[in-house]
Amino acid sequence: MRVLVVQNYDNTGLGQVGAALAEAGADLDLRLPYKGDPLPDDAAGHDAMIVLGGGQNALADDEYPYFPALLELTRDFADKDRAVLGICLGSQLVARAFGGENRIGGAN
C-alpha cells in the first residue's frame, strides 16, 4: 500500500497513525508543499492520502498557494475511490474540497 502524506506545517508528523502504517507495511510518500515540495498531479501511484494539520487558516489560499491544488487532488483521490484522511487542518481542507463551509472563529 502506497500512501501519500501531505504535511502542512513543521512538527506535525503522523504520530500514532504513522506507527499503524509502519506496522501495516505501508510505503509512505511524504510531501511538504509548504516548503515547496510539488504535489502529485493526480492519485495515480497511490492507494490513499493523509492530509495533516497545521497552524494555517484553511481558507488562506493567498498565503498557501498550494491549497487549491491540494483540494483538487483530494477530489481526484475520492473520484478514484481511494481513501482520504484529514487530521485537524487536513480535515478542514478535505471538507472544503467537497463544498463544506469553513468559518474563521475567534476566542472570547
PDB file of N, CA and C in Angstrom:
ATOM      1  N   MET A   1       0.859  -1.177   0.000  1.00  0.00           N
ATOM      2  CA  MET A   1       0.000   0.000   0.000  1.00  0.00           C
ATOM      3  C   MET A   1       0.902   1.237   0.000  1.00  0.00           C
ATOM      4  N   ARG A   2       0.665   2.130  -0.944  1.00  0.00           N
ATOM      5  CA  ARG A   2       1.433   3.379  -1.042  1.00  0.00           C
ATOM      6  C   ARG A   2       0.520   4.521  -0.612  1.00  0.00           C
ATOM      7  N   VAL A   3       0.974   5.283   0.384  1.00  0.00           N
ATOM      8  CA  VAL A   3       0.163   6.345   0.974  1.00  0.00           C
ATOM      9  C   VAL A   3       0.861   7.687   0.783  1.00  0.00           C
ATOM     10  N   LEU A   4       0.150   8.619   0.176  1.00  0.00           N
ATOM     11  CA  LEU A   4       0.627   9.991   0.066  1.00  0.00           C
ATOM     12  C   LEU A   4       0.337  10.692   1.386  1.00  0.00           C
ATOM     13  N   VAL A   5       1.361  11.299   1.977  1.00  0.00           N
ATOM     14  CA  VAL A   5       1.205  12.052   3.217  1.00  0.00           C
ATOM     15  C   VAL A   5       1.558  13.502   2.919  1.00  0.00           C
ATOM     16  N   VAL A   6       0.593  14.394   3.120  1.00  0.00           N
ATOM     17  CA  VAL A   6       0.802  15.823   2.891  1.00  0.00           C
ATOM     18  C   VAL A   6       0.947  16.496   4.249  1.00  0.00           C
ATOM     19  N   GLN A   7       2.168  16.945   4.531  1.00  0.00           N
ATOM     20  CA  GLN A   7       2.450  17.648   5.785  1.00  0.00           C
ATOM     21  C   GLN A   7       2.388  19.141   5.494  1.00  0.00           C
ATOM     22  N   ASN A   8       1.583  19.865   6.257  1.00  0.00           N
ATOM     23  CA  ASN A   8       1.325  21.280   6.004  1.00  0.00           C
ATOM     24  C   ASN A   8       2.077  22.239   6.911  1.00  0.00           C
ATOM     25  N   TYR A   9       2.847  21.718   7.852  1.00  0.00           N
ATOM     26  CA  TYR A   9       3.433  22.591   8.872  1.00  0.00           C
ATOM     27  C   TYR A   9       4.556  21.824   9.561  1.00  0.00           C
ATOM     28  N   ASP A  10       5.561  22.538  10.059  1.00  0.00           N
ATOM     29  CA  ASP A  10       6.628  21.889  10.819  1.00  0.00           C
ATOM     30  C   ASP A  10       6.065  21.164  12.034  1.00  0.00           C
ATOM     31  N   ASN A  11       6.696  20.078  12.393  1.00  0.00           N
ATOM     32  CA  ASN A  11       6.380  19.335  13.622  1.00  0.00           C
ATOM     33  C   ASN A  11       4.942  18.834  13.697  1.00  0.00           C
ATOM     34  N   THR A  12       4.364  18.493  12.564  1.00  0.00           N
ATOM     35  CA  THR A  12       3.015  17.911  12.564  1.00  0.00           C
ATOM     36  C   THR A  12       3.067  16.555  11.868  1.00  0.00           C
ATOM     37  N   GLY A  13       3.867  15.667  12.396  1.00  0.00           N
ATOM     38  CA  GLY A  13       4.038  14.354  11.795  1.00  0.00           C
ATOM     39  C   GLY A  13       2.851  13.439  12.008  1.00  0.00           C
ATOM     40  N   LEU A  14       3.040  12.197  11.648  1.00  0.00           N
ATOM     41  CA  LEU A  14       1.969  11.211  11.659  1.00  0.00           C
ATOM     42  C   LEU A  14       1.658  10.629  13.035  1.00  0.00           C
ATOM     43  N   GLY A  15       2.570  10.714  13.972  1.00  0.00           N
ATOM     44  CA  GLY A  15       2.314  10.183  15.311  1.00  0.00           C
ATOM     45  C   GLY A  15       1.887   8.727  15.271  1.00  0.00           C
ATOM     46  N   GLN A  16       0.822   8.390  15.993  1.00  0.00           N
ATOM     47  CA  GLN A  16       0.343   7.011  16.081  1.00  0.00           C
ATOM     48  C   GLN A  16      -0.183   6.488  14.749  1.00  0.00           C
ATOM     49  N   VAL A  17      -0.669   7.385  13.899  1.00  0.00           N
ATOM     50  CA  VAL A  17      -1.098   6.955  12.562  1.00  0.00           C
ATOM     51  C   VAL A  17       0.110   6.403  11.811  1.00  0.00           C
ATOM     52  N   GLY A  18       1.252   7.060  11.955  1.00  0.00           N
ATOM     53  CA  GLY A  18       2.479   6.584  11.326  1.00  0.00           C
ATOM     54  C   GLY A  18       2.897   5.219  11.836  1.00  0.00           C
ATOM     55  N   ALA A  19       2.740   5.007  13.145  1.00  0.00           N
ATOM     56  CA  ALA A  19       3.071   3.702  13.726  1.00  0.00           C
ATOM     57  C   ALA A  19       2.177   2.609  13.143  1.00  0.00           C
ATOM     58  N   ALA A  20       0.900   2.897  13.003  1.00  0.00           N
ATOM     59  CA  ALA A  20      -0.032   1.922  12.432  1.00  0.00           C
ATOM     60  C   ALA A  20       0.298   1.641  10.969  1.00  0.00           C
ATOM     61  N   LEU A  21       0.658   2.683  10.225  1.00  0.00           N
ATOM     62  CA  LEU A  21       1.016   2.494   8.816  1.00  0.00           C
ATOM     63  C   LEU A  21       2.292   1.672   8.685  1.00  0.00           C
ATOM     64  N   ALA A  22       3.268   1.939   9.555  1.00  0.00           N
ATOM     65  CA  ALA A  22       4.512   1.163   9.534  1.00  0.00           C
ATOM     66  C   ALA A  22       4.226  -0.307   9.839  1.00  0.00           C
ATOM     67  N   GLU A  23       3.382  -0.539  10.831  1.00  0.00           N
ATOM     68  CA  GLU A  23       3.016  -1.912  11.194  1.00  0.00           C
ATOM     69  C   GLU A  23       2.328  -2.624  10.031  1.00  0.00           C
ATOM     70  N   ALA A  24       1.561  -1.875   9.252  1.00  0.00           N
ATOM     71  CA  ALA A  24       0.859  -2.442   8.094  1.00  0.00           C
ATOM     72  C   ALA A  24       1.766  -2.589   6.877  1.00  0.00           C
ATOM     73  N   GLY A  25       2.999  -2.083   6.979  1.00  0.00           N
ATOM     74  CA  GLY A  25       3.935  -2.187   5.867  1.00  0.00           C
ATOM     75  C   GLY A  25       3.704  -1.182   4.759  1.00  0.00           C
ATOM     76  N   ALA A  26       3.050  -0.076   5.073  1.00  0.00           N
ATOM     77  CA  ALA A  26       2.756   0.945   4.060  1.00  0.00           C
ATOM     78  C   ALA A  26       4.035   1.637   3.588  1.00  0.00           C
ATOM     79  N   ASP A  27       4.047   1.975   2.317  1.00  0.00           N
ATOM     80  CA  ASP A  27       5.110   2.776   1.711  1.00  0.00           C
ATOM     81  C   ASP A  27       4.620   4.218   1.717  1.00  0.00           C
ATOM     82  N   LEU A  28       5.317   5.100   2.441  1.00  0.00           N
ATOM     83  CA  LEU A  28       4.871   6.483   2.585  1.00  0.00           C
ATOM     84  C   LEU A  28       5.582   7.396   1.599  1.00  0.00           C
ATOM     85  N   ASP A  29       4.814   8.241   0.945  1.00  0.00           N
ATOM     86  CA  ASP A  29       5.324   9.287   0.051  1.00  0.00           C
ATOM     87  C   ASP A  29       5.037  10.613   0.744  1.00  0.00           C
ATOM     88  N   LEU A  30       6.018  11.127   1.488  1.00  0.00           N
ATOM     89  CA  LEU A  30       5.848  12.349   2.273  1.00  0.00           C
ATOM     90  C   LEU A  30       6.134  13.569   1.416  1.00  0.00           C
ATOM     91  N   ARG A  31       5.184  14.496   1.386  1.00  0.00           N
ATOM     92  CA  ARG A  31       5.345  15.761   0.664  1.00  0.00           C
ATOM     93  C   ARG A  31       5.176  16.917   1.638  1.00  0.00           C
ATOM     94  N   LEU A  32       6.018  17.921   1.483  1.00  0.00           N
ATOM     95  CA  LEU A  32       5.984  19.132   2.309  1.00  0.00           C
ATOM     96  C   LEU A  32       5.719  20.330   1.402  1.00  0.00           C
ATOM     97  N   PRO A  33       4.496  20.519   0.933  1.00  0.00           N
ATOM     98  CA  PRO A  33       4.231  21.595  -0.021  1.00  0.00           C
ATOM     99  C   PRO A  33       4.456  22.987   0.558  1.00  0.00           C
ATOM    100  N   TYR A  34       4.343  23.149   1.861  1.00  0.00           N
ATOM    101  CA  TYR A  34       4.596  24.454   2.475  1.00  0.00           C
ATOM    102  C   TYR A  34       6.071  24.825   2.383  1.00  0.00           C
ATOM    103  N   LYS A  35       6.931  23.841   2.078  1.00  0.00           N
ATOM    104  CA  LYS A  35       8.358  24.086   1.863  1.00  0.00           C
ATOM    105  C   LYS A  35       8.722  24.004   0.384  1.00  0.00           C
ATOM    106  N   GLY A  36       7.713  23.914  -0.475  1.00  0.00           N
ATOM    107  CA  GLY A  36       7.961  23.910  -1.912  1.00  0.00           C
ATOM    108  C   GLY A  36       7.915  22.555  -2.589  1.00  0.00           C
ATOM    109  N   ASP A  37       7.701  21.469  -1.839  1.00  0.00           N
ATOM    110  CA  ASP A  37       7.572  20.160  -2.487  1.00  0.00           C
ATOM    111  C   ASP A  37       6.359  20.164  -3.415  1.00  0.00           C
ATOM    112  N   PRO A  38       6.511  19.629  -4.610  1.00  0.00           N
ATOM    113  CA  PRO A  38       5.349  19.550  -5.503  1.00  0.00           C
ATOM    114  C   PRO A  38       4.386  18.460  -5.047  1.00  0.00           C
ATOM    115  N   LEU A  39       3.117  18.706  -5.260  1.00  0.00           N
ATOM    116  CA  LEU A  39       2.105  17.680  -5.049  1.00  0.00           C
ATOM    117  C   LEU A  39       1.969  16.872  -6.332  1.00  0.00           C
ATOM    118  N   PRO A  40       1.583  15.603  -6.236  1.00  0.00           N
ATOM    119  CA  PRO A  40       1.315  14.842  -7.460  1.00  0.00           C
ATOM    120  C   PRO A  40       0.169  15.489  -8.240  1.00  0.00           C
ATOM    121  N   ASP A  41       0.159  15.267  -9.536  1.00  0.00           N
ATOM    122  CA  ASP A  41      -0.917  15.806 -10.372  1.00  0.00           C
ATOM    123  C   ASP A  41      -2.240  15.094 -10.137  1.00  0.00           C
ATOM    124  N   ASP A  42      -2.159  13.829  -9.742  1.00  0.00           N
ATOM    125  CA  ASP A  42      -3.376  13.050  -9.509  1.00  0.00           C
ATOM    126  C   ASP A  42      -3.057  11.907  -8.550  1.00  0.00           C
ATOM    127  N   ALA A  43      -4.038  11.045  -8.345  1.00  0.00           N
ATOM    128  CA  ALA A  43      -3.911   9.955  -7.372  1.00  0.00           C
ATOM    129  C   ALA A  43      -3.113   8.763  -7.897  1.00  0.00           C
ATOM    130  N   ALA A  44      -2.727   8.781  -9.155  1.00  0.00           N
ATOM    131  CA  ALA A  44      -2.015   7.645  -9.742  1.00  0.00           C
ATOM    132  C   ALA A  44      -0.802   7.271  -8.889  1.00  0.00           C
ATOM    133  N   GLY A  45      -0.640   5.986  -8.670  1.00  0.00           N
ATOM    134  CA  GLY A  45       0.506   5.505  -7.913  1.00  0.00           C
ATOM    135  C   GLY A  45       0.318   5.508  -6.407  1.00  0.00           C
ATOM    136  N   HIS A  46      -0.841   5.930  -5.941  1.00  0.00           N
ATOM    137  CA  HIS A  46      -1.124   5.964  -4.504  1.00  0.00           C
ATOM    138  C   HIS A  46      -2.448   5.253  -4.226  1.00  0.00           C
ATOM    139  N   ASP A  47      -2.498   4.606  -3.080  1.00  0.00           N
ATOM    140  CA  ASP A  47      -3.720   3.917  -2.661  1.00  0.00           C
ATOM    141  C   ASP A  47      -4.555   4.752  -1.707  1.00  0.00           C
ATOM    142  N   ALA A  48      -3.927   5.716  -1.053  1.00  0.00           N
ATOM    143  CA  ALA A  48      -4.615   6.542  -0.058  1.00  0.00           C
ATOM    144  C   ALA A  48      -3.830   7.833   0.136  1.00  0.00           C
ATOM    145  N   MET A  49      -4.485   8.797   0.780  1.00  0.00           N
ATOM    146  CA  MET A  49      -3.842  10.079   1.081  1.00  0.00           C
ATOM    147  C   MET A  49      -4.212  10.500   2.500  1.00  0.00           C
ATOM    148  N   ILE A  50      -3.219  11.044   3.207  1.00  0.00           N
ATOM    149  CA  ILE A  50      -3.436  11.635   4.526  1.00  0.00           C
ATOM    150  C   ILE A  50      -2.998  13.086   4.445  1.00  0.00           C
ATOM    151  N   VAL A  51      -3.890  13.989   4.850  1.00  0.00           N
ATOM    152  CA  VAL A  51      -3.592  15.421   4.882  1.00  0.00           C
ATOM    153  C   VAL A  51      -3.487  15.810   6.352  1.00  0.00           C
ATOM    154  N   LEU A  52      -2.300  16.228   6.758  1.00  0.00           N
ATOM    155  CA  LEU A  52      -2.037  16.533   8.162  1.00  0.00           C
ATOM    156  C   LEU A  52      -2.435  17.954   8.533  1.00  0.00           C
ATOM    157  N   GLY A  53      -2.307  18.250   9.802  1.00  0.00           N
ATOM    158  CA  GLY A  53      -2.706  19.543  10.345  1.00  0.00           C
ATOM    159  C   GLY A  53      -1.642  20.611  10.218  1.00  0.00           C
ATOM    160  N   GLY A  54      -1.933  21.734  10.842  1.00  0.00           N
ATOM    161  CA  GLY A  54      -1.020  22.869  10.849  1.00  0.00           C
ATOM    162  C   GLY A  54      -1.701  24.077  11.431  1.00  0.00           C
ATOM    163  N   GLY A  55      -0.946  25.122  11.585  1.00  0.00           N
ATOM    164  CA  GLY A  55      -1.468  26.341  12.176  1.00  0.00           C
ATOM    165  C   GLY A  55      -2.153  27.267  11.190  1.00  0.00           C
ATOM    166  N   GLN A  56      -2.191  26.887   9.924  1.00  0.00           N
ATOM    167  CA  GLN A  56      -2.777  27.739   8.905  1.00  0.00           C
ATOM    168  C   GLN A  56      -4.293  27.823   9.024  1.00  0.00           C
ATOM    169  N   ASN A  57      -4.802  28.846   8.405  1.00  0.00           N
ATOM    170  CA  ASN A  57      -6.232  29.010   8.187  1.00  0.00           C
ATOM    171  C   ASN A  57      -6.560  28.214   6.917  1.00  0.00           C
ATOM    172  N   ALA A  58      -7.565  27.374   6.956  1.00  0.00           N
ATOM    173  CA  ALA A  58      -7.920  26.525   5.814  1.00  0.00           C
ATOM    174  C   ALA A  58      -8.393  27.313   4.598  1.00  0.00           C
ATOM    175  N   LEU A  59      -8.629  28.608   4.759  1.00  0.00           N
ATOM    176  CA  LEU A  59      -9.069  29.458   3.650  1.00  0.00           C
ATOM    177  C   LEU A  59      -7.946  30.350   3.123  1.00  0.00           C
ATOM    178  N   ALA A  60      -6.724  30.140   3.583  1.00  0.00           N
ATOM    179  CA  ALA A  60      -5.608  31.047   3.301  1.00  0.00           C
ATOM    180  C   ALA A  60      -4.891  30.702   1.994  1.00  0.00           C
ATOM    181  N   ASP A  61      -5.635  30.684   0.898  1.00  0.00           N
ATOM    182  CA  ASP A  61      -5.040  30.359  -0.402  1.00  0.00           C
ATOM    183  C   ASP A  61      -3.956  31.345  -0.817  1.00  0.00           C
ATOM    184  N   ASP A  62      -4.094  32.614  -0.464  1.00  0.00           N
ATOM    185  CA  ASP A  62      -3.086  33.602  -0.852  1.00  0.00           C
ATOM    186  C   ASP A  62      -1.756  33.328  -0.157  1.00  0.00           C
ATOM    187  N   GLU A  63      -1.805  32.966   1.118  1.00  0.00           N
ATOM    188  CA  GLU A  63      -0.578  32.686   1.864  1.00  0.00           C
ATOM    189  C   GLU A  63      -0.020  31.292   1.564  1.00  0.00           C
ATOM    190  N   TYR A  64      -0.901  30.371   1.186  1.00  0.00           N
ATOM    191  CA  TYR A  64      -0.512  28.989   0.904  1.00  0.00           C
ATOM    192  C   TYR A  64      -1.071  28.605  -0.465  1.00  0.00           C
ATOM    193  N   PRO A  65      -0.402  29.049  -1.527  1.00  0.00           N
ATOM    194  CA  PRO A  65      -0.961  28.897  -2.875  1.00  0.00           C
ATOM    195  C   PRO A  65      -1.101  27.451  -3.356  1.00  0.00           C
ATOM    196  N   TYR A  66      -0.595  26.503  -2.606  1.00  0.00           N
ATOM    197  CA  TYR A  66      -0.788  25.102  -2.985  1.00  0.00           C
ATOM    198  C   TYR A  66      -2.144  24.557  -2.528  1.00  0.00           C
ATOM    199  N   PHE A  67      -2.861  25.277  -1.675  1.00  0.00           N
ATOM    200  CA  PHE A  67      -4.147  24.774  -1.180  1.00  0.00           C
ATOM    201  C   PHE A  67      -5.119  24.399  -2.304  1.00  0.00           C
ATOM    202  N   PRO A  68      -5.344  25.246  -3.320  1.00  0.00           N
ATOM    203  CA  PRO A  68      -6.291  24.847  -4.379  1.00  0.00           C
ATOM    204  C   PRO A  68      -5.899  23.540  -5.080  1.00  0.00           C
ATOM    205  N   ALA A  69      -4.604  23.349  -5.337  1.00  0.00           N
ATOM    206  CA  ALA A  69      -4.158  22.097  -5.959  1.00  0.00           C
ATOM    207  C   ALA A  69      -4.393  20.913  -5.023  1.00  0.00           C
ATOM    208  N   LEU A  70      -4.213  21.123  -3.729  1.00  0.00           N
ATOM    209  CA  LEU A  70      -4.462  20.067  -2.750  1.00  0.00           C
ATOM    210  C   LEU A  70      -5.945  19.699  -2.705  1.00  0.00           C
ATOM    211  N   LEU A  71      -6.807  20.694  -2.824  1.00  0.00           N
ATOM    212  CA  LEU A  71      -8.249  20.422  -2.858  1.00  0.00           C
ATOM    213  C   LEU A  71      -8.606  19.592  -4.090  1.00  0.00           C
ATOM    214  N   GLU A  72      -8.041  19.948  -5.224  1.00  0.00           N
ATOM    215  CA  GLU A  72      -8.289  19.204  -6.466  1.00  0.00           C
ATOM    216  C   GLU A  72      -7.765  17.776  -6.349  1.00  0.00           C
ATOM    217  N   LEU A  73      -6.583  17.621  -5.777  1.00  0.00           N
ATOM    218  CA  LEU A  73      -6.002  16.294  -5.582  1.00  0.00           C
ATOM    219  C   LEU A  73      -6.881  15.449  -4.657  1.00  0.00           C
ATOM    220  N   THR A  74      -7.410  16.059  -3.622  1.00  0.00           N
ATOM    221  CA  THR A  74      -8.316  15.365  -2.700  1.00  0.00           C
ATOM    222  C   THR A  74      -9.533  14.828  -3.449  1.00  0.00           C
ATOM    223  N   ARG A  75     -10.108  15.655  -4.296  1.00  0.00           N
ATOM    224  CA  ARG A  75     -11.268  15.215  -5.088  1.00  0.00           C
ATOM    225  C   ARG A  75     -10.891  14.085  -6.045  1.00  0.00           C
ATOM    226  N   ASP A  76      -9.678  14.155  -6.614  1.00  0.00           N
ATOM    227  CA  ASP A  76      -9.241  13.105  -7.528  1.00  0.00           C
ATOM    228  C   ASP A  76      -9.114  11.766  -6.797  1.00  0.00           C
ATOM    229  N   PHE A  77      -8.559  11.791  -5.596  1.00  0.00           N
ATOM    230  CA  PHE A  77      -8.486  10.555  -4.805  1.00  0.00           C
ATOM    231  C   PHE A  77      -9.884   9.985  -4.590  1.00  0.00           C
ATOM    232  N   ALA A  78     -10.810  10.820  -4.190  1.00  0.00           N
ATOM    233  CA  ALA A  78     -12.181  10.359  -3.933  1.00  0.00           C
ATOM    234  C   ALA A  78     -12.839   9.851  -5.215  1.00  0.00           C
ATOM    235  N   ASP A  79     -12.643  10.567  -6.325  1.00  0.00           N
ATOM    236  CA  ASP A  79     -13.220  10.147  -7.604  1.00  0.00           C
ATOM    237  C   ASP A  79     -12.713   8.768  -8.018  1.00  0.00           C
ATOM    238  N   LYS A  80     -11.485   8.451  -7.620  1.00  0.00           N
ATOM    239  CA  LYS A  80     -10.891   7.150  -7.955  1.00  0.00           C
ATOM    240  C   LYS A  80     -11.113   6.130  -6.840  1.00  0.00           C
ATOM    241  N   ASP A  81     -12.000   6.471  -5.913  1.00  0.00           N
ATOM    242  CA  ASP A  81     -12.393   5.569  -4.822  1.00  0.00           C
ATOM    243  C   ASP A  81     -11.212   5.161  -3.951  1.00  0.00           C
ATOM    244  N   ARG A  82     -10.344   6.136  -3.679  1.00  0.00           N
ATOM    245  CA  ARG A  82      -9.191   5.906  -2.806  1.00  0.00           C
ATOM    246  C   ARG A  82      -9.394   6.674  -1.507  1.00  0.00           C
ATOM    247  N   ALA A  83      -8.952   6.094  -0.432  1.00  0.00           N
ATOM    248  CA  ALA A  83      -9.188   6.660   0.899  1.00  0.00           C
ATOM    249  C   ALA A  83      -8.452   7.980   1.096  1.00  0.00           C
ATOM    250  N   VAL A  84      -9.124   8.897   1.807  1.00  0.00           N
ATOM    251  CA  VAL A  84      -8.539  10.184   2.188  1.00  0.00           C
ATOM    252  C   VAL A  84      -8.829  10.394   3.667  1.00  0.00           C
ATOM    253  N   LEU A  85      -7.788  10.725   4.426  1.00  0.00           N
ATOM    254  CA  LEU A  85      -7.928  11.043   5.842  1.00  0.00           C
ATOM    255  C   LEU A  85      -7.370  12.436   6.071  1.00  0.00           C
ATOM    256  N   GLY A  86      -8.168  13.303   6.658  1.00  0.00           N
ATOM    257  CA  GLY A  86      -7.710  14.632   7.041  1.00  0.00           C
ATOM    258  C   GLY A  86      -7.667  14.737   8.551  1.00  0.00           C
ATOM    259  N   ILE A  87      -6.572  15.272   9.069  1.00  0.00           N
ATOM    260  CA  ILE A  87      -6.406  15.445  10.510  1.00  0.00           C
ATOM    261  C   ILE A  87      -6.268  16.932  10.797  1.00  0.00           C
ATOM    262  N   CYS A  88      -7.104  17.452  11.672  1.00  0.00           N
ATOM    263  CA  CYS A  88      -7.092  18.860  12.092  1.00  0.00           C
ATOM    264  C   CYS A  88      -7.263  19.764  10.856  1.00  0.00           C
ATOM    265  N   LEU A  89      -6.284  20.596  10.545  1.00  0.00           N
ATOM    266  CA  LEU A  89      -6.362  21.425   9.338  1.00  0.00           C
ATOM    267  C   LEU A  89      -6.690  20.558   8.126  1.00  0.00           C
ATOM    268  N   GLY A  90      -6.105  19.368   8.076  1.00  0.00           N
ATOM    269  CA  GLY A  90      -6.370  18.461   6.960  1.00  0.00           C
ATOM    270  C   GLY A  90      -7.842  18.140   6.805  1.00  0.00           C
ATOM    271  N   SER A  91      -8.547  17.966   7.921  1.00  0.00           N
ATOM    272  CA  SER A  91      -9.985  17.676   7.836  1.00  0.00           C
ATOM    273  C   SER A  91     -10.754  18.884   7.321  1.00  0.00           C
ATOM    274  N   GLN A  92     -10.302  20.073   7.677  1.00  0.00           N
ATOM    275  CA  GLN A  92     -10.947  21.290   7.172  1.00  0.00           C
ATOM    276  C   GLN A  92     -10.739  21.419   5.667  1.00  0.00           C
ATOM    277  N   LEU A  93      -9.533  21.084   5.203  1.00  0.00           N
ATOM    278  CA  LEU A  93      -9.253  21.147   3.768  1.00  0.00           C
ATOM    279  C   LEU A  93     -10.047  20.084   3.005  1.00  0.00           C
ATOM    280  N   VAL A  94     -10.159  18.886   3.572  1.00  0.00           N
ATOM    281  CA  VAL A  94     -10.962  17.843   2.931  1.00  0.00           C
ATOM    282  C   VAL A  94     -12.418  18.287   2.845  1.00  0.00           C
ATOM    283  N   ALA A  95     -12.943  18.836   3.931  1.00  0.00           N
ATOM    284  CA  ALA A  95     -14.327  19.336   3.911  1.00  0.00           C
ATOM    285  C   ALA A  95     -14.490  20.410   2.845  1.00  0.00           C
ATOM    286  N   ARG A  96     -13.536  21.311   2.780  1.00  0.00           N
ATOM    287  CA  ARG A  96     -13.591  22.390   1.786  1.00  0.00           C
ATOM    288  C   ARG A  96     -13.570  21.825   0.364  1.00  0.00           C
ATOM    289  N   ALA A  97     -12.790  20.780   0.134  1.00  0.00           N
ATOM    290  CA  ALA A  97     -12.704  20.174  -1.201  1.00  0.00           C
ATOM    291  C   ALA A  97     -14.058  19.683  -1.689  1.00  0.00           C
ATOM    292  N   PHE A  98     -14.940  19.332  -0.747  1.00  0.00           N
ATOM    293  CA  PHE A  98     -16.245  18.790  -1.110  1.00  0.00           C
ATOM    294  C   PHE A  98     -17.384  19.749  -0.805  1.00  0.00           C
ATOM    295  N   GLY A  99     -17.058  21.042  -0.725  1.00  0.00           N
ATOM    296  CA  GLY A  99     -18.090  22.055  -0.576  1.00  0.00           C
ATOM    297  C   GLY A  99     -18.470  22.387   0.846  1.00  0.00           C
ATOM    298  N   GLY A 100     -17.774  21.816   1.809  1.00  0.00           N
ATOM    299  CA  GLY A 100     -18.047  22.152   3.202  1.00  0.00           C
ATOM    300  C   GLY A 100     -17.651  23.587   3.494  1.00  0.00           C
ATOM    301  N   GLU A 101     -18.314  24.176   4.445  1.00  0.00           N
ATOM    302  CA  GLU A 101     -18.052  25.573   4.799  1.00  0.00           C
ATOM    303  C   GLU A 101     -17.074  25.636   5.967  1.00  0.00           C
ATOM    304  N   ASN A 102     -16.015  26.392   5.776  1.00  0.00           N
ATOM    305  CA  ASN A 102     -15.055  26.658   6.842  1.00  0.00           C
ATOM    306  C   ASN A 102     -15.271  28.084   7.301  1.00  0.00           C
ATOM    307  N   ARG A 103     -15.336  28.266   8.586  1.00  0.00           N
ATOM    308  CA  ARG A 103     -15.502  29.614   9.137  1.00  0.00           C
ATOM    309  C   ARG A 103     -14.328  29.934  10.037  1.00  0.00           C
ATOM    310  N   ILE A 104     -13.955  31.185  10.019  1.00  0.00           N
ATOM    311  CA  ILE A 104     -12.879  31.648  10.880  1.00  0.00           C
ATOM    312  C   ILE A 104     -13.497  32.057  12.205  1.00  0.00           C
ATOM    313  N   GLY A 105     -13.072  31.413  13.267  1.00  0.00           N
ATOM    314  CA  GLY A 105     -13.601  31.719  14.594  1.00  0.00           C
ATOM    315  C   GLY A 105     -12.606  32.533  15.393  1.00  0.00           C
ATOM    316  N   GLY A 106     -13.054  32.992  16.496  1.00  0.00           N
ATOM    317  CA  GLY A 106     -12.191  33.740  17.390  1.00  0.00           C
ATOM    318  C   GLY A 106     -12.426  33.301  18.814  1.00  0.00           C
ATOM    319  N   ALA A 107     -11.485  33.588  19.642  1.00  0.00           N
ATOM    320  CA  ALA A 107     -11.618  33.252  21.056  1.00  0.00           C
ATOM    321  C   ALA A 107     -12.332  34.377  21.775  1.00  0.00           C
ATOM    322  N   ASN A 108     -13.161  34.034  22.720  1.00  0.00           N
ATOM    323  CA  ASN A 108     -13.862  35.023  23.536  1.00  0.00           C
ATOM    324  C   ASN A 108     -13.365  34.958  24.957  1.00  0.00           C
TER     325      ASN A 108
END
